């Protein structure tokens, strides 16, 4: 029997900066937008929206996936809109990762927490606009529930590794509690 992968989604929230110090051996690392800059030599999948600037994309080799192209493979645009896949890159990345039937799907920097740090930065690359956080909380909760239901159907554990206030309702753990083998 083939071992199921462990996948970590790294967003651009400030809590993602912790991932620079983690032993990611044994994990498939999926980065969203500019999160690739945190782990320039240690990401496997790069997720971005259609409007993401070409100049901000990594120049290194790895799988690049755009939400519009993913929705085209699903072939059901209304599902993509209702599930949040077409609305936020984190939701799109989570569904894409679940397509790979992981045993564990972890998240960091995907909290929709835009509290600035001591330097005034609210994302890993400086100051970002909280587009997804401006969407109705009921929609965001429904999208997270959709991820949880799908993960449950796949017997996939969902973990939020961020240690800050978070929109994600998934179990909280510190990275050190997870075995890498």
C-alpha atoms as a PDB file:
ATOM      1  CA  UNK A   1       0.000   0.000   0.000  1.00  0.00           C
ATOM      2  CA  UNK A   2       1.299   3.446  -0.934  1.00  0.00           C
ATOM      3  CA  UNK A   3       1.828   5.831   1.961  1.00  0.00           C
ATOM      4  CA  UNK A   4      -0.394   8.859   1.762  1.00  0.00           C
ATOM      5  CA  UNK A   5       1.364  12.228   1.651  1.00  0.00           C
ATOM      6  CA  UNK A   6       1.530  14.886   4.321  1.00  0.00           C
ATOM      7  CA  UNK A   7       0.983  18.318   2.816  1.00  0.00           C
ATOM      8  CA  UNK A   8       1.624  21.724   4.359  1.00  0.00           C
ATOM      9  CA  UNK A   9      -0.023  24.824   2.883  1.00  0.00           C
ATOM     10  CA  UNK A  10       1.960  27.985   3.620  1.00  0.00           C
ATOM     11  CA  UNK A  11       0.109  31.275   3.199  1.00  0.00           C
ATOM     12  CA  UNK A  12       1.397  34.813   3.528  1.00  0.00           C
ATOM     13  CA  UNK A  13       0.086  35.578   7.026  1.00  0.00           C
ATOM     14  CA  UNK A  14       2.781  36.549   9.518  1.00  0.00           C
ATOM     15  CA  UNK A  15       2.560  33.167  11.268  1.00  0.00           C
ATOM     16  CA  UNK A  16       3.972  31.570   8.096  1.00  0.00           C
ATOM     17  CA  UNK A  17       7.390  32.967   8.959  1.00  0.00           C
ATOM     18  CA  UNK A  18       7.735  30.193  11.556  1.00  0.00           C
ATOM     19  CA  UNK A  19       7.915  27.619   8.737  1.00  0.00           C
ATOM     20  CA  UNK A  20      11.410  28.835   7.837  1.00  0.00           C
ATOM     21  CA  UNK A  21      12.649  27.056  10.974  1.00  0.00           C
ATOM     22  CA  UNK A  22      10.730  23.811  10.601  1.00  0.00           C
ATOM     23  CA  UNK A  23      12.089  20.467   9.451  1.00  0.00           C
ATOM     24  CA  UNK A  24       9.886  19.912   6.395  1.00  0.00           C
ATOM     25  CA  UNK A  25      11.394  16.557   5.461  1.00  0.00           C
ATOM     26  CA  UNK A  26       8.657  14.131   4.464  1.00  0.00           C
ATOM     27  CA  UNK A  27       6.178  16.906   3.647  1.00  0.00           C
ATOM     28  CA  UNK A  28       4.935  18.226   0.335  1.00  0.00           C
ATOM     29  CA  UNK A  29       5.017  22.010   0.687  1.00  0.00           C
ATOM     30  CA  UNK A  30       2.393  24.095  -1.077  1.00  0.00           C
ATOM     31  CA  UNK A  31       2.952  27.858  -1.071  1.00  0.00           C
ATOM     32  CA  UNK A  32       0.401  30.571  -1.792  1.00  0.00           C
ATOM     33  CA  UNK A  33       1.351  33.748  -3.624  1.00  0.00           C
ATOM     34  CA  UNK A  34       4.508  35.313  -2.144  1.00  0.00           C
ATOM     35  CA  UNK A  35       4.942  32.614   0.513  1.00  0.00           C
ATOM     36  CA  UNK A  36       7.444  30.964  -1.835  1.00  0.00           C
ATOM     37  CA  UNK A  37       9.870  33.729  -0.813  1.00  0.00           C
ATOM     38  CA  UNK A  38       9.938  32.328   2.740  1.00  0.00           C
ATOM     39  CA  UNK A  39      11.007  28.900   1.489  1.00  0.00           C
ATOM     40  CA  UNK A  40      12.710  29.651  -1.839  1.00  0.00           C
ATOM     41  CA  UNK A  41      14.422  26.248  -2.061  1.00  0.00           C
ATOM     42  CA  UNK A  42      11.791  24.169  -0.281  1.00  0.00           C
ATOM     43  CA  UNK A  43       8.404  24.313  -1.964  1.00  0.00           C
ATOM     44  CA  UNK A  44       6.766  21.804  -4.260  1.00  0.00           C
ATOM     45  CA  UNK A  45       3.549  23.492  -5.420  1.00  0.00           C
ATOM     46  CA  UNK A  46       2.947  27.202  -6.023  1.00  0.00           C
ATOM     47  CA  UNK A  47      -0.664  28.431  -5.990  1.00  0.00           C
ATOM     48  CA  UNK A  48      -1.786  31.765  -7.339  1.00  0.00           C
ATOM     49  CA  UNK A  49      -4.831  33.563  -8.651  1.00  0.00           C
ATOM     50  CA  UNK A  50      -5.157  34.747 -12.242  1.00  0.00           C
ATOM     51  CA  UNK A  51      -4.346  38.353 -11.301  1.00  0.00           C
ATOM     52  CA  UNK A  52      -1.117  37.498  -9.449  1.00  0.00           C
ATOM     53  CA  UNK A  53       1.662  39.610 -11.020  1.00  0.00           C
ATOM     54  CA  UNK A  54       4.085  37.732 -13.243  1.00  0.00           C
ATOM     55  CA  UNK A  55       7.004  39.628 -11.659  1.00  0.00           C
ATOM     56  CA  UNK A  56       6.111  38.189  -8.231  1.00  0.00           C
ATOM     57  CA  UNK A  57       6.063  34.551  -9.362  1.00  0.00           C
ATOM     58  CA  UNK A  58       9.037  32.314  -8.545  1.00  0.00           C
ATOM     59  CA  UNK A  59      11.461  31.702 -11.384  1.00  0.00           C
ATOM     60  CA  UNK A  60      12.456  28.296 -10.053  1.00  0.00           C
ATOM     61  CA  UNK A  61      11.085  24.998 -11.249  1.00  0.00           C
ATOM     62  CA  UNK A  62       8.095  23.553  -9.444  1.00  0.00           C
ATOM     63  CA  UNK A  63       4.432  22.974 -10.091  1.00  0.00           C
ATOM     64  CA  UNK A  64       2.562  26.236 -10.678  1.00  0.00           C
ATOM     65  CA  UNK A  65      -1.238  26.018 -10.347  1.00  0.00           C
ATOM     66  CA  UNK A  66      -3.714  28.827 -11.058  1.00  0.00           C
ATOM     67  CA  UNK A  67      -7.242  28.713  -9.644  1.00  0.00           C
ATOM     68  CA  UNK A  68      -8.905  29.446 -13.010  1.00  0.00           C
ATOM     69  CA  UNK A  69      -7.147  26.472 -14.632  1.00  0.00           C
ATOM     70  CA  UNK A  70      -8.079  24.207 -11.706  1.00  0.00           C
ATOM     71  CA  UNK A  71     -11.739  25.201 -11.989  1.00  0.00           C
ATOM     72  CA  UNK A  72     -11.639  24.386 -15.689  1.00  0.00           C
ATOM     73  CA  UNK A  73     -10.523  20.840 -14.838  1.00  0.00           C
ATOM     74  CA  UNK A  74     -13.453  20.494 -12.415  1.00  0.00           C
ATOM     75  CA  UNK A  75     -15.835  21.707 -15.093  1.00  0.00           C
ATOM     76  CA  UNK A  76     -18.434  23.072 -12.662  1.00  0.00           C
ATOM     77  CA  UNK A  77     -18.065  26.821 -12.286  1.00  0.00           C
ATOM     78  CA  UNK A  78     -20.971  27.154  -9.849  1.00  0.00           C
ATOM     79  CA  UNK A  79     -19.352  24.592  -7.543  1.00  0.00           C
ATOM     80  CA  UNK A  80     -16.081  26.525  -7.751  1.00  0.00           C
ATOM     81  CA  UNK A  81     -17.850  29.731  -6.722  1.00  0.00           C
ATOM     82  CA  UNK A  82     -19.983  28.197  -3.953  1.00  0.00           C
ATOM     83  CA  UNK A  83     -17.097  26.203  -2.441  1.00  0.00           C
ATOM     84  CA  UNK A  84     -14.823  29.246  -2.369  1.00  0.00           C
ATOM     85  CA  UNK A  85     -12.337  27.783  -4.863  1.00  0.00           C
ATOM     86  CA  UNK A  86     -12.816  30.782  -7.157  1.00  0.00           C
ATOM     87  CA  UNK A  87     -12.942  33.246  -4.256  1.00  0.00           C
ATOM     88  CA  UNK A  88      -9.752  32.635  -2.224  1.00  0.00           C
ATOM     89  CA  UNK A  89      -6.464  30.994  -3.081  1.00  0.00           C
ATOM     90  CA  UNK A  90      -6.252  29.203   0.277  1.00  0.00           C
ATOM     91  CA  UNK A  91      -9.548  27.383  -0.323  1.00  0.00           C
ATOM     92  CA  UNK A  92      -8.490  26.532  -3.866  1.00  0.00           C
ATOM     93  CA  UNK A  93      -5.117  25.235  -2.619  1.00  0.00           C
ATOM     94  CA  UNK A  94      -6.805  23.128   0.076  1.00  0.00           C
ATOM     95  CA  UNK A  95      -9.145  21.450  -2.425  1.00  0.00           C
ATOM     96  CA  UNK A  96      -6.288  20.829  -4.848  1.00  0.00           C
ATOM     97  CA  UNK A  97      -4.234  19.259  -2.053  1.00  0.00           C
ATOM     98  CA  UNK A  98      -7.188  17.114  -0.981  1.00  0.00           C
ATOM     99  CA  UNK A  99      -7.304  15.759  -4.544  1.00  0.00           C
ATOM    100  CA  UNK A 100      -4.023  14.021  -3.604  1.00  0.00           C
ATOM    101  CA  UNK A 101      -5.681  12.216  -0.680  1.00  0.00           C
ATOM    102  CA  UNK A 102      -3.198  13.261   2.027  1.00  0.00           C
ATOM    103  CA  UNK A 103      -3.152  11.645   5.460  1.00  0.00           C
ATOM    104  CA  UNK A 104      -2.507  15.120   6.906  1.00  0.00           C
ATOM    105  CA  UNK A 105      -3.176  18.581   5.517  1.00  0.00           C
ATOM    106  CA  UNK A 106      -1.558  21.324   7.562  1.00  0.00           C
ATOM    107  CA  UNK A 107      -1.873  25.088   7.339  1.00  0.00           C
ATOM    108  CA  UNK A 108       0.232  28.021   8.470  1.00  0.00           C
ATOM    109  CA  UNK A 109      -0.126  31.666   7.534  1.00  0.00           C
ATOM    110  CA  UNK A 110      -3.708  31.086   6.319  1.00  0.00           C
ATOM    111  CA  UNK A 111      -5.437  32.707   9.273  1.00  0.00           C
ATOM    112  CA  UNK A 112      -6.923  35.874   7.742  1.00  0.00           C
ATOM    113  CA  UNK A 113      -5.336  37.640  10.682  1.00  0.00           C
ATOM    114  CA  UNK A 114      -4.045  41.018   9.545  1.00  0.00           C
ATOM    115  CA  UNK A 115      -2.865  42.294  12.930  1.00  0.00           C
ATOM    116  CA  UNK A 116       0.321  44.265  12.218  1.00  0.00           C
ATOM    117  CA  UNK A 117       3.633  43.353  13.799  1.00  0.00           C
ATOM    118  CA  UNK A 118       5.889  45.885  15.583  1.00  0.00           C
ATOM    119  CA  UNK A 119       7.061  47.217  12.196  1.00  0.00           C
ATOM    120  CA  UNK A 120       3.522  47.682  10.880  1.00  0.00           C
ATOM    121  CA  UNK A 121       3.646  44.689   8.521  1.00  0.00           C
ATOM    122  CA  UNK A 122       0.527  42.537   8.341  1.00  0.00           C
ATOM    123  CA  UNK A 123       1.768  39.872   5.891  1.00  0.00           C
ATOM    124  CA  UNK A 124       5.136  38.231   5.217  1.00  0.00           C
ATOM    125  CA  UNK A 125       5.992  40.597   2.358  1.00  0.00           C
ATOM    126  CA  UNK A 126       5.052  43.859   4.120  1.00  0.00           C
ATOM    127  CA  UNK A 127       1.591  45.363   4.072  1.00  0.00           C
ATOM    128  CA  UNK A 128      -1.155  43.453   2.276  1.00  0.00           C
ATOM    129  CA  UNK A 129      -4.780  44.097   1.525  1.00  0.00           C
ATOM    130  CA  UNK A 130      -7.121  41.732   3.422  1.00  0.00           C
ATOM    131  CA  UNK A 131      -9.364  40.876   0.458  1.00  0.00           C
ATOM    132  CA  UNK A 132     -10.605  37.526   1.732  1.00  0.00           C
ATOM    133  CA  UNK A 133     -11.082  38.854   5.272  1.00  0.00           C
ATOM    134  CA  UNK A 134     -13.558  41.379   3.872  1.00  0.00           C
ATOM    135  CA  UNK A 135     -15.836  38.584   2.642  1.00  0.00           C
ATOM    136  CA  UNK A 136     -18.793  37.676   4.857  1.00  0.00           C
ATOM    137  CA  UNK A 137     -17.832  35.451   7.786  1.00  0.00           C
ATOM    138  CA  UNK A 138     -20.687  33.071   6.913  1.00  0.00           C
ATOM    139  CA  UNK A 139     -19.128  32.420   3.492  1.00  0.00           C
ATOM    140  CA  UNK A 140     -15.680  31.830   4.968  1.00  0.00           C
ATOM    141  CA  UNK A 141     -17.118  29.468   7.587  1.00  0.00           C
ATOM    142  CA  UNK A 142     -19.002  27.541   4.888  1.00  0.00           C
ATOM    143  CA  UNK A 143     -15.827  27.178   2.820  1.00  0.00           C
ATOM    144  CA  UNK A 144     -13.861  25.929   5.832  1.00  0.00           C
ATOM    145  CA  UNK A 145     -16.670  23.490   6.617  1.00  0.00           C
ATOM    146  CA  UNK A 146     -16.529  22.251   3.009  1.00  0.00           C
ATOM    147  CA  UNK A 147     -12.806  21.594   3.393  1.00  0.00           C
ATOM    148  CA  UNK A 148     -13.432  19.771   6.697  1.00  0.00           C
ATOM    149  CA  UNK A 149     -16.224  17.608   5.269  1.00  0.00           C
ATOM    150  CA  UNK A 150     -14.148  16.649   2.257  1.00  0.00           C
ATOM    151  CA  UNK A 151     -11.119  15.886   4.456  1.00  0.00           C
ATOM    152  CA  UNK A 152     -13.269  13.762   6.753  1.00  0.00           C
ATOM    153  CA  UNK A 153     -14.548  11.787   3.763  1.00  0.00           C
ATOM    154  CA  UNK A 154     -10.905  11.134   2.821  1.00  0.00           C
ATOM    155  CA  UNK A 155      -9.852  10.288   6.404  1.00  0.00           C
ATOM    156  CA  UNK A 156      -7.469  13.241   6.282  1.00  0.00           C
ATOM    157  CA  UNK A 157      -6.376  15.035   9.441  1.00  0.00           C
ATOM    158  CA  UNK A 158      -6.555  18.857   9.226  1.00  0.00           C
ATOM    159  CA  UNK A 159      -4.131  20.834  11.395  1.00  0.00           C
ATOM    160  CA  UNK A 160      -3.654  24.565  11.875  1.00  0.00           C
ATOM    161  CA  UNK A 161      -0.011  25.107  12.872  1.00  0.00           C
ATOM    162  CA  UNK A 162      -0.411  28.867  13.302  1.00  0.00           C
ATOM    163  CA  UNK A 163      -0.173  30.164  16.828  1.00  0.00           C
ATOM    164  CA  UNK A 164      -2.190  33.352  16.232  1.00  0.00           C
ATOM    165  CA  UNK A 165      -5.912  34.131  16.160  1.00  0.00           C
ATOM    166  CA  UNK A 166      -7.248  32.334  13.126  1.00  0.00           C
ATOM    167  CA  UNK A 167     -10.244  32.008  10.864  1.00  0.00           C
ATOM    168  CA  UNK A 168      -9.431  28.310  10.442  1.00  0.00           C
ATOM    169  CA  UNK A 169     -11.435  26.029  12.738  1.00  0.00           C
ATOM    170  CA  UNK A 170      -9.047  23.094  12.394  1.00  0.00           C
ATOM    171  CA  UNK A 171      -7.215  21.430  15.283  1.00  0.00           C
ATOM    172  CA  UNK A 172      -4.293  23.473  16.607  1.00  0.00           C
ATOM    173  CA  UNK A 173      -0.888  21.889  17.040  1.00  0.00           C
ATOM    174  CA  UNK A 174       2.651  23.104  17.315  1.00  0.00           C
ATOM    175  CA  UNK A 175       4.964  21.862  14.584  1.00  0.00           C
ATOM    176  CA  UNK A 176       7.221  19.999  17.034  1.00  0.00           C
ATOM    177  CA  UNK A 177       4.401  17.540  17.850  1.00  0.00           C
ATOM    178  CA  UNK A 178       4.363  16.168  14.324  1.00  0.00           C
ATOM    179  CA  UNK A 179       6.717  13.372  13.337  1.00  0.00           C
ATOM    180  CA  UNK A 180       8.475  13.843  10.000  1.00  0.00           C
ATOM    181  CA  UNK A 181       8.795  10.165   9.124  1.00  0.00           C
END
